[in-house]
Amino acid sequence: MNARNIARTLSAVLLFQVGIGALLILGDVRQAPFSMPFMGPQTPRLSEPVRPGDQRRTYAPDRDRPATRPLREPGDLADRLTLTRESGQYRLEGTIAPGDAERVISLIDEADPAIETLVLQSPGGAVQDALTLGRHLRDRAIATEILSGEICYSACPYLFAGGTLRSASDSASIGVHQHSFGENTLLPAFIATENIQRGQAEVMTYLDDMGIDPLVMRHAMSTPADEIYILVPEELTRYGFLPGAE
């Protein structure tokens, strides 16, 4: 290859990298806490009521809450899952951080009295930890519950699915969206595609094992990470998160 062809090849690669970088920067701007008139998110905020067919909301639980106020004001949710017991109820709240599964499993196993039902509230987080913890809840025959006005987003519904029995208020806010599996980098994004597909397959297998229809993933996979798709009560029943009417 002569010097001219090498220069052309390097220029093409550079332009390709710049293009990918521009797309990544644009994605970061869309997720920023501010918006510009020409590129701001057009999706309604979490605080706006959800109706069937109008279920996508901006994913900003750290600064925006659902329309229904919770019966108990939780304040700022912790950066890692916290297990507490209030008024006879065990609550698991906060972001699902990497490494939380092993830590929380120990807390659950050591709880006295033993945990029968676990109230969940989380904006989501590490998918793998959610799956591991959800399987442990099922092994321990622990029920899961989400209360009125409280949230369970992103990876949190996988914790919810782990409950032997599951219950949620009609005004609980449960939502799904796209996940990342591993760290995002620039050019290795093509290599990461295989990991993403493997991760999605693992999630779908988990849901099937928990008695949840994996078709719920169509909503997750079509909703970008800066938005959340809120599952209405009819969908929670259809996909098996909640029991149907008898």
C-alpha atoms as a PDB file:
ATOM      1  CA  MET A   1       0.000   0.000   0.000  1.00  0.00           C
ATOM      2  CA  ASN A   2       1.545   3.340  -1.062  1.00  0.00           C
ATOM      3  CA  ALA A   3       1.741   6.449   1.119  1.00  0.00           C
ATOM      4  CA  ARG A   4      -1.277   8.077  -0.545  1.00  0.00           C
ATOM      5  CA  ASN A   5      -3.522   5.058   0.119  1.00  0.00           C
ATOM      6  CA  ILE A   6      -2.314   4.841   3.705  1.00  0.00           C
ATOM      7  CA  ALA A   7      -3.147   8.521   4.230  1.00  0.00           C
ATOM      8  CA  ARG A   8      -6.623   8.015   2.764  1.00  0.00           C
ATOM      9  CA  THR A   9      -7.225   4.987   5.001  1.00  0.00           C
ATOM     10  CA  LEU A  10      -6.093   6.838   8.114  1.00  0.00           C
ATOM     11  CA  SER A  11      -8.284   9.812   7.199  1.00  0.00           C
ATOM     12  CA  ALA A  12     -11.312   7.551   6.737  1.00  0.00           C
ATOM     13  CA  VAL A  13     -10.723   5.877  10.103  1.00  0.00           C
ATOM     14  CA  LEU A  14     -10.326   9.267  11.775  1.00  0.00           C
ATOM     15  CA  LEU A  15     -13.554  10.570  10.261  1.00  0.00           C
ATOM     16  CA  PHE A  16     -15.324   7.385  11.355  1.00  0.00           C
ATOM     17  CA  GLN A  17     -14.059   7.834  14.924  1.00  0.00           C
ATOM     18  CA  VAL A  18     -15.115  11.491  14.950  1.00  0.00           C
ATOM     19  CA  GLY A  19     -18.587  10.483  13.766  1.00  0.00           C
ATOM     20  CA  ILE A  20     -18.981   7.901  16.518  1.00  0.00           C
ATOM     21  CA  GLY A  21     -17.675  10.395  19.076  1.00  0.00           C
ATOM     22  CA  ALA A  22     -20.213  12.980  17.923  1.00  0.00           C
ATOM     23  CA  LEU A  23     -23.054  10.475  18.332  1.00  0.00           C
ATOM     24  CA  LEU A  24     -21.870   9.575  21.842  1.00  0.00           C
ATOM     25  CA  ILE A  25     -21.594  13.256  22.810  1.00  0.00           C
ATOM     26  CA  LEU A  26     -25.084  13.888  21.460  1.00  0.00           C
ATOM     27  CA  GLY A  27     -26.356  10.984  23.581  1.00  0.00           C
ATOM     28  CA  ASP A  28     -24.673  12.451  26.658  1.00  0.00           C
ATOM     29  CA  VAL A  29     -26.215  15.860  26.001  1.00  0.00           C
ATOM     30  CA  ARG A  30     -29.670  14.313  25.713  1.00  0.00           C
ATOM     31  CA  GLN A  31     -29.221  12.787  29.166  1.00  0.00           C
ATOM     32  CA  ALA A  32     -27.927  15.996  30.766  1.00  0.00           C
ATOM     33  CA  PRO A  33     -30.032  17.697  33.481  1.00  0.00           C
ATOM     34  CA  PHE A  34     -30.693  20.606  31.094  1.00  0.00           C
ATOM     35  CA  SER A  35     -32.118  20.683  27.610  1.00  0.00           C
ATOM     36  CA  MET A  36     -31.749  22.944  24.593  1.00  0.00           C
ATOM     37  CA  PRO A  37     -34.809  23.881  22.517  1.00  0.00           C
ATOM     38  CA  PHE A  38     -33.601  22.049  19.404  1.00  0.00           C
ATOM     39  CA  MET A  39     -32.438  18.817  21.069  1.00  0.00           C
ATOM     40  CA  GLY A  40     -34.198  18.591  24.437  1.00  0.00           C
ATOM     41  CA  PRO A  41     -36.093  15.387  25.198  1.00  0.00           C
ATOM     42  CA  GLN A  42     -39.642  15.467  23.899  1.00  0.00           C
ATOM     43  CA  THR A  43     -40.749  12.681  26.239  1.00  0.00           C
ATOM     44  CA  PRO A  44     -43.037  13.780  29.115  1.00  0.00           C
ATOM     45  CA  ARG A  45     -41.599  13.931  32.604  1.00  0.00           C
ATOM     46  CA  LEU A  46     -42.113  11.247  35.244  1.00  0.00           C
ATOM     47  CA  SER A  47     -44.414  13.581  37.150  1.00  0.00           C
ATOM     48  CA  GLU A  48     -46.988  13.492  34.334  1.00  0.00           C
ATOM     49  CA  PRO A  49     -49.733  10.835  34.623  1.00  0.00           C
ATOM     50  CA  VAL A  50     -49.321   7.653  32.591  1.00  0.00           C
ATOM     51  CA  ARG A  51     -52.080   6.264  30.378  1.00  0.00           C
ATOM     52  CA  PRO A  52     -52.153   3.170  28.145  1.00  0.00           C
ATOM     53  CA  GLY A  53     -50.373   4.056  24.916  1.00  0.00           C
ATOM     54  CA  ASP A  54     -48.653   7.028  26.565  1.00  0.00           C
ATOM     55  CA  GLN A  55     -46.126   5.292  28.802  1.00  0.00           C
ATOM     56  CA  ARG A  56     -42.666   6.627  27.985  1.00  0.00           C
ATOM     57  CA  ARG A  57     -41.271   9.137  30.450  1.00  0.00           C
ATOM     58  CA  THR A  58     -37.913  10.796  30.949  1.00  0.00           C
ATOM     59  CA  TYR A  59     -35.714   8.663  33.174  1.00  0.00           C
ATOM     60  CA  ALA A  60     -34.722  11.089  35.926  1.00  0.00           C
ATOM     61  CA  PRO A  61     -35.826   9.540  39.249  1.00  0.00           C
ATOM     62  CA  ASP A  62     -33.106  11.477  41.068  1.00  0.00           C
ATOM     63  CA  ARG A  63     -34.827  14.772  40.283  1.00  0.00           C
ATOM     64  CA  ASP A  64     -38.365  13.830  39.250  1.00  0.00           C
ATOM     65  CA  ARG A  65     -40.993  11.633  40.896  1.00  0.00           C
ATOM     66  CA  PRO A  66     -44.185   9.936  39.623  1.00  0.00           C
ATOM     67  CA  ALA A  67     -47.463  11.829  39.754  1.00  0.00           C
ATOM     68  CA  THR A  68     -48.781   9.807  42.722  1.00  0.00           C
ATOM     69  CA  ARG A  69     -47.162  10.833  45.986  1.00  0.00           C
ATOM     70  CA  PRO A  70     -45.917   7.905  48.091  1.00  0.00           C
ATOM     71  CA  LEU A  71     -47.575   7.135  51.422  1.00  0.00           C
ATOM     72  CA  ARG A  72     -44.109   7.369  52.984  1.00  0.00           C
ATOM     73  CA  GLU A  73     -41.618   9.961  51.770  1.00  0.00           C
ATOM     74  CA  PRO A  74     -38.295   8.109  51.275  1.00  0.00           C
ATOM     75  CA  GLY A  75     -36.084  11.140  50.682  1.00  0.00           C
ATOM     76  CA  ASP A  76     -33.039  10.626  48.475  1.00  0.00           C
ATOM     77  CA  LEU A  77     -32.528   6.954  47.727  1.00  0.00           C
ATOM     78  CA  ALA A  78     -29.095   5.599  48.653  1.00  0.00           C
ATOM     79  CA  ASP A  79     -26.382   4.908  46.077  1.00  0.00           C
ATOM     80  CA  ARG A  80     -26.368   1.249  47.210  1.00  0.00           C
ATOM     81  CA  LEU A  81     -29.173  -1.059  48.287  1.00  0.00           C
ATOM     82  CA  THR A  82     -30.096  -0.686  51.946  1.00  0.00           C
ATOM     83  CA  LEU A  83     -32.104  -3.203  53.974  1.00  0.00           C
ATOM     84  CA  THR A  84     -34.197  -1.740  56.788  1.00  0.00           C
ATOM     85  CA  ARG A  85     -37.112  -2.820  58.946  1.00  0.00           C
ATOM     86  CA  GLU A  86     -39.866  -0.326  59.714  1.00  0.00           C
ATOM     87  CA  SER A  87     -43.190  -1.028  61.423  1.00  0.00           C
ATOM     88  CA  GLY A  88     -42.695  -4.754  60.913  1.00  0.00           C
ATOM     89  CA  GLN A  89     -41.887  -4.355  57.189  1.00  0.00           C
ATOM     90  CA  TYR A  90     -38.565  -5.162  55.587  1.00  0.00           C
ATOM     91  CA  ARG A  91     -37.630  -2.654  52.897  1.00  0.00           C
ATOM     92  CA  LEU A  92     -34.916  -2.904  50.249  1.00  0.00           C
ATOM     93  CA  GLU A  93     -34.248   0.537  48.758  1.00  0.00           C
ATOM     94  CA  GLY A  94     -31.655   2.388  46.700  1.00  0.00           C
ATOM     95  CA  THR A  95     -29.595   1.938  43.564  1.00  0.00           C
ATOM     96  CA  ILE A  96     -28.440  -1.596  42.736  1.00  0.00           C
ATOM     97  CA  ALA A  97     -24.663  -1.142  42.749  1.00  0.00           C
ATOM     98  CA  PRO A  98     -22.125  -3.701  41.501  1.00  0.00           C
ATOM     99  CA  GLY A  99     -21.382  -6.117  44.340  1.00  0.00           C
ATOM    100  CA  ASP A 100     -24.708  -5.493  46.084  1.00  0.00           C
ATOM    101  CA  ALA A 101     -26.002  -9.016  45.444  1.00  0.00           C
ATOM    102  CA  GLU A 102     -23.431 -10.760  47.629  1.00  0.00           C
ATOM    103  CA  ARG A 103     -23.687  -8.125  50.352  1.00  0.00           C
ATOM    104  CA  VAL A 104     -27.489  -8.027  50.465  1.00  0.00           C
ATOM    105  CA  ILE A 105     -27.816 -11.820  50.303  1.00  0.00           C
ATOM    106  CA  SER A 106     -25.802 -11.996  53.528  1.00  0.00           C
ATOM    107  CA  LEU A 107     -28.068  -9.390  55.143  1.00  0.00           C
ATOM    108  CA  ILE A 108     -31.186 -11.287  54.073  1.00  0.00           C
ATOM    109  CA  ASP A 109     -29.879 -14.607  55.357  1.00  0.00           C
ATOM    110  CA  GLU A 110     -28.932 -13.052  58.710  1.00  0.00           C
ATOM    111  CA  ALA A 111     -32.207 -11.143  59.206  1.00  0.00           C
ATOM    112  CA  ASP A 112     -34.056 -11.880  62.449  1.00  0.00           C
ATOM    113  CA  PRO A 113     -36.959 -12.374  62.264  1.00  0.00           C
ATOM    114  CA  ALA A 114     -36.660 -14.038  58.889  1.00  0.00           C
ATOM    115  CA  ILE A 115     -37.865 -12.043  55.901  1.00  0.00           C
ATOM    116  CA  GLU A 116     -41.154 -13.213  54.438  1.00  0.00           C
ATOM    117  CA  THR A 117     -41.991 -10.146  52.317  1.00  0.00           C
ATOM    118  CA  LEU A 118     -39.612  -7.536  50.963  1.00  0.00           C
ATOM    119  CA  VAL A 119     -40.853  -4.062  49.967  1.00  0.00           C
ATOM    120  CA  LEU A 120     -38.799  -2.781  47.033  1.00  0.00           C
ATOM    121  CA  GLN A 121     -37.987   0.749  45.906  1.00  0.00           C
ATOM    122  CA  SER A 122     -35.129   1.333  43.474  1.00  0.00           C
ATOM    123  CA  PRO A 123     -34.253   3.358  40.353  1.00  0.00           C
ATOM    124  CA  GLY A 124     -32.369   0.295  39.059  1.00  0.00           C
ATOM    125  CA  GLY A 125     -28.683  -0.283  38.507  1.00  0.00           C
ATOM    126  CA  ALA A 126     -26.459  -3.328  37.938  1.00  0.00           C
ATOM    127  CA  VAL A 127     -28.399  -5.953  35.982  1.00  0.00           C
ATOM    128  CA  GLN A 128     -26.267  -8.953  36.936  1.00  0.00           C
ATOM    129  CA  ASP A 129     -26.599  -8.181  40.645  1.00  0.00           C
ATOM    130  CA  ALA A 130     -30.363  -7.802  40.234  1.00  0.00           C
ATOM    131  CA  LEU A 131     -30.611 -11.239  38.595  1.00  0.00           C
ATOM    132  CA  THR A 132     -28.441 -12.909  41.249  1.00  0.00           C
ATOM    133  CA  LEU A 133     -30.390 -11.314  44.071  1.00  0.00           C
ATOM    134  CA  GLY A 134     -33.721 -12.111  42.420  1.00  0.00           C
ATOM    135  CA  ARG A 135     -32.830 -15.803  42.195  1.00  0.00           C
ATOM    136  CA  HIS A 136     -31.913 -15.783  45.875  1.00  0.00           C
ATOM    137  CA  LEU A 137     -35.284 -14.273  46.787  1.00  0.00           C
ATOM    138  CA  ARG A 138     -36.957 -17.100  44.893  1.00  0.00           C
ATOM    139  CA  ASP A 139     -34.776 -19.747  46.566  1.00  0.00           C
ATOM    140  CA  ARG A 140     -35.679 -18.328  49.979  1.00  0.00           C
ATOM    141  CA  ALA A 141     -39.418 -18.148  49.089  1.00  0.00           C
ATOM    142  CA  ILE A 142     -39.509 -14.399  49.828  1.00  0.00           C
ATOM    143  CA  ALA A 143     -42.443 -12.375  48.488  1.00  0.00           C
ATOM    144  CA  THR A 144     -41.929  -8.941  46.909  1.00  0.00           C
ATOM    145  CA  GLU A 145     -44.119  -5.849  47.087  1.00  0.00           C
ATOM    146  CA  ILE A 146     -44.167  -2.304  45.690  1.00  0.00           C
ATOM    147  CA  LEU A 147     -46.236   0.282  47.529  1.00  0.00           C
ATOM    148  CA  SER A 148     -48.388   3.193  46.347  1.00  0.00           C
ATOM    149  CA  GLY A 149     -46.425   5.995  44.709  1.00  0.00           C
ATOM    150  CA  GLU A 150     -43.093   4.173  45.016  1.00  0.00           C
ATOM    151  CA  ILE A 151     -40.790   3.257  42.134  1.00  0.00           C
ATOM    152  CA  CYS A 152     -39.157   0.152  40.665  1.00  0.00           C
ATOM    153  CA  TYR A 153     -37.272   0.984  37.454  1.00  0.00           C
ATOM    154  CA  SER A 154     -34.677  -0.423  35.095  1.00  0.00           C
ATOM    155  CA  ALA A 155     -33.147  -3.526  36.769  1.00  0.00           C
ATOM    156  CA  CYS A 156     -35.474  -3.331  39.797  1.00  0.00           C
ATOM    157  CA  PRO A 157     -38.345  -5.229  38.086  1.00  0.00           C
ATOM    158  CA  TYR A 158     -35.997  -8.233  37.959  1.00  0.00           C
ATOM    159  CA  LEU A 159     -35.799  -8.117  41.757  1.00  0.00           C
ATOM    160  CA  PHE A 160     -39.578  -7.837  41.839  1.00  0.00           C
ATOM    161  CA  ALA A 161     -39.875 -10.862  39.525  1.00  0.00           C
ATOM    162  CA  GLY A 162     -37.851 -12.947  41.988  1.00  0.00           C
ATOM    163  CA  GLY A 163     -40.614 -12.834  44.585  1.00  0.00           C
ATOM    164  CA  THR A 164     -42.468 -16.104  45.159  1.00  0.00           C
ATOM    165  CA  LEU A 165     -45.591 -13.976  45.550  1.00  0.00           C
ATOM    166  CA  ARG A 166     -45.705 -10.490  44.013  1.00  0.00           C
ATOM    167  CA  SER A 167     -47.987  -7.573  44.752  1.00  0.00           C
ATOM    168  CA  ALA A 168     -47.994  -3.941  43.655  1.00  0.00           C
ATOM    169  CA  SER A 169     -50.327  -1.016  44.192  1.00  0.00           C
ATOM    170  CA  ASP A 170     -52.133   0.271  41.099  1.00  0.00           C
ATOM    171  CA  SER A 171     -50.287   3.554  41.693  1.00  0.00           C
ATOM    172  CA  ALA A 172     -46.845   1.971  42.038  1.00  0.00           C
ATOM    173  CA  SER A 173     -44.518   2.981  39.190  1.00  0.00           C
ATOM    174  CA  ILE A 174     -42.749   0.011  37.542  1.00  0.00           C
ATOM    175  CA  GLY A 175     -40.727   0.583  34.399  1.00  0.00           C
ATOM    176  CA  VAL A 176     -38.168  -0.906  32.029  1.00  0.00           C
ATOM    177  CA  HIS A 177     -35.659   0.358  29.455  1.00  0.00           C
ATOM    178  CA  GLN A 178     -32.476  -0.601  27.626  1.00  0.00           C
ATOM    179  CA  HIS A 179     -29.531  -1.813  29.688  1.00  0.00           C
ATOM    180  CA  SER A 180     -25.808  -1.645  29.188  1.00  0.00           C
ATOM    181  CA  PHE A 181     -23.740  -4.744  29.880  1.00  0.00           C
ATOM    182  CA  GLY A 182     -20.169  -3.755  30.732  1.00  0.00           C
ATOM    183  CA  GLU A 183     -18.334  -0.498  30.161  1.00  0.00           C
ATOM    184  CA  ASN A 184     -19.007   1.528  27.026  1.00  0.00           C
ATOM    185  CA  THR A 185     -15.941   2.463  24.995  1.00  0.00           C
ATOM    186  CA  LEU A 186     -15.467   3.974  21.551  1.00  0.00           C
ATOM    187  CA  LEU A 187     -14.384   1.558  18.817  1.00  0.00           C
ATOM    188  CA  PRO A 188     -14.868  -1.655  20.856  1.00  0.00           C
ATOM    189  CA  ALA A 189     -18.628  -0.962  20.721  1.00  0.00           C
ATOM    190  CA  PHE A 190     -18.814  -3.458  17.872  1.00  0.00           C
ATOM    191  CA  ILE A 191     -17.181  -6.117  20.000  1.00  0.00           C
ATOM    192  CA  ALA A 192     -19.522  -5.215  22.878  1.00  0.00           C
ATOM    193  CA  THR A 193     -22.529  -6.154  20.714  1.00  0.00           C
ATOM    194  CA  GLU A 194     -21.911  -9.825  21.464  1.00  0.00           C
ATOM    195  CA  ASN A 195     -21.867  -9.116  25.210  1.00  0.00           C
ATOM    196  CA  ILE A 196     -25.084  -7.107  24.942  1.00  0.00           C
ATOM    197  CA  GLN A 197     -26.841  -9.928  23.106  1.00  0.00           C
ATOM    198  CA  ARG A 198     -25.585 -12.461  25.634  1.00  0.00           C
ATOM    199  CA  GLY A 199     -26.766 -10.230  28.470  1.00  0.00           C
ATOM    200  CA  GLN A 200     -30.229  -9.812  26.953  1.00  0.00           C
ATOM    201  CA  ALA A 201     -30.493 -13.579  26.496  1.00  0.00           C
ATOM    202  CA  GLU A 202     -29.583 -14.085  30.159  1.00  0.00           C
ATOM    203  CA  VAL A 203     -32.265 -11.610  31.236  1.00  0.00           C
ATOM    204  CA  MET A 204     -34.900 -13.322  29.086  1.00  0.00           C
ATOM    205  CA  THR A 205     -33.942 -16.742  30.451  1.00  0.00           C
ATOM    206  CA  TYR A 206     -34.208 -15.371  33.990  1.00  0.00           C
ATOM    207  CA  LEU A 207     -37.659 -13.892  33.342  1.00  0.00           C
ATOM    208  CA  ASP A 208     -38.871 -17.196  31.910  1.00  0.00           C
ATOM    209  CA  ASP A 209     -37.522 -19.034  34.958  1.00  0.00           C
ATOM    210  CA  MET A 210     -39.414 -16.610  37.209  1.00  0.00           C
ATOM    211  CA  GLY A 211     -42.687 -17.168  35.333  1.00  0.00           C
ATOM    212  CA  ILE A 212     -42.568 -13.808  33.529  1.00  0.00           C
ATOM    213  CA  ASP A 213     -43.317 -13.554  29.802  1.00  0.00           C
ATOM    214  CA  PRO A 214     -39.991 -12.539  28.175  1.00  0.00           C
ATOM    215  CA  LEU A 215     -41.996 -10.489  25.653  1.00  0.00           C
ATOM    216  CA  VAL A 216     -41.901  -7.690  28.220  1.00  0.00           C
ATOM    217  CA  MET A 217     -38.354  -7.161  26.929  1.00  0.00           C
ATOM    218  CA  ARG A 218     -39.717  -5.677  23.714  1.00  0.00           C
ATOM    219  CA  HIS A 219     -40.605  -2.579  25.722  1.00  0.00           C
ATOM    220  CA  ALA A 220     -37.200  -2.525  27.403  1.00  0.00           C
ATOM    221  CA  MET A 221     -35.229  -3.024  24.205  1.00  0.00           C
ATOM    222  CA  SER A 222     -37.122  -0.294  22.327  1.00  0.00           C
ATOM    223  CA  THR A 223     -36.868   2.325  25.083  1.00  0.00           C
ATOM    224  CA  PRO A 224     -33.584   4.283  25.235  1.00  0.00           C
ATOM    225  CA  ALA A 225     -31.634   4.449  28.477  1.00  0.00           C
ATOM    226  CA  ASP A 226     -32.586   8.094  29.114  1.00  0.00           C
ATOM    227  CA  GLU A 227     -36.282   7.164  29.079  1.00  0.00           C
ATOM    228  CA  ILE A 228     -38.379   4.649  31.000  1.00  0.00           C
ATOM    229  CA  TYR A 229     -41.391   2.671  29.805  1.00  0.00           C
ATOM    230  CA  ILE A 230     -43.959   2.512  32.611  1.00  0.00           C
ATOM    231  CA  LEU A 231     -45.871  -0.773  32.702  1.00  0.00           C
ATOM    232  CA  VAL A 232     -49.571  -0.194  33.347  1.00  0.00           C
ATOM    233  CA  PRO A 233     -51.463  -2.645  35.622  1.00  0.00           C
ATOM    234  CA  GLU A 234     -52.914  -4.509  32.638  1.00  0.00           C
ATOM    235  CA  GLU A 235     -49.411  -5.197  31.311  1.00  0.00           C
ATOM    236  CA  LEU A 236     -48.107  -6.262  34.712  1.00  0.00           C
ATOM    237  CA  THR A 237     -50.848  -8.883  34.733  1.00  0.00           C
ATOM    238  CA  ARG A 238     -50.416  -9.868  31.078  1.00  0.00           C
ATOM    239  CA  TYR A 239     -46.681 -10.446  31.454  1.00  0.00           C
ATOM    240  CA  GLY A 240     -47.094 -12.343  34.694  1.00  0.00           C
ATOM    241  CA  PHE A 241     -45.644  -9.901  37.232  1.00  0.00           C
ATOM    242  CA  LEU A 242     -49.030  -9.820  38.979  1.00  0.00           C
ATOM    243  CA  PRO A 243     -51.726 -12.502  39.212  1.00  0.00           C
ATOM    244  CA  GLY A 244     -54.792 -12.196  37.030  1.00  0.00           C
ATOM    245  CA  ALA A 245     -58.337 -11.897  38.290  1.00  0.00           C
ATOM    246  CA  GLU A 246     -59.820 -15.180  39.443  1.00  0.00           C
END
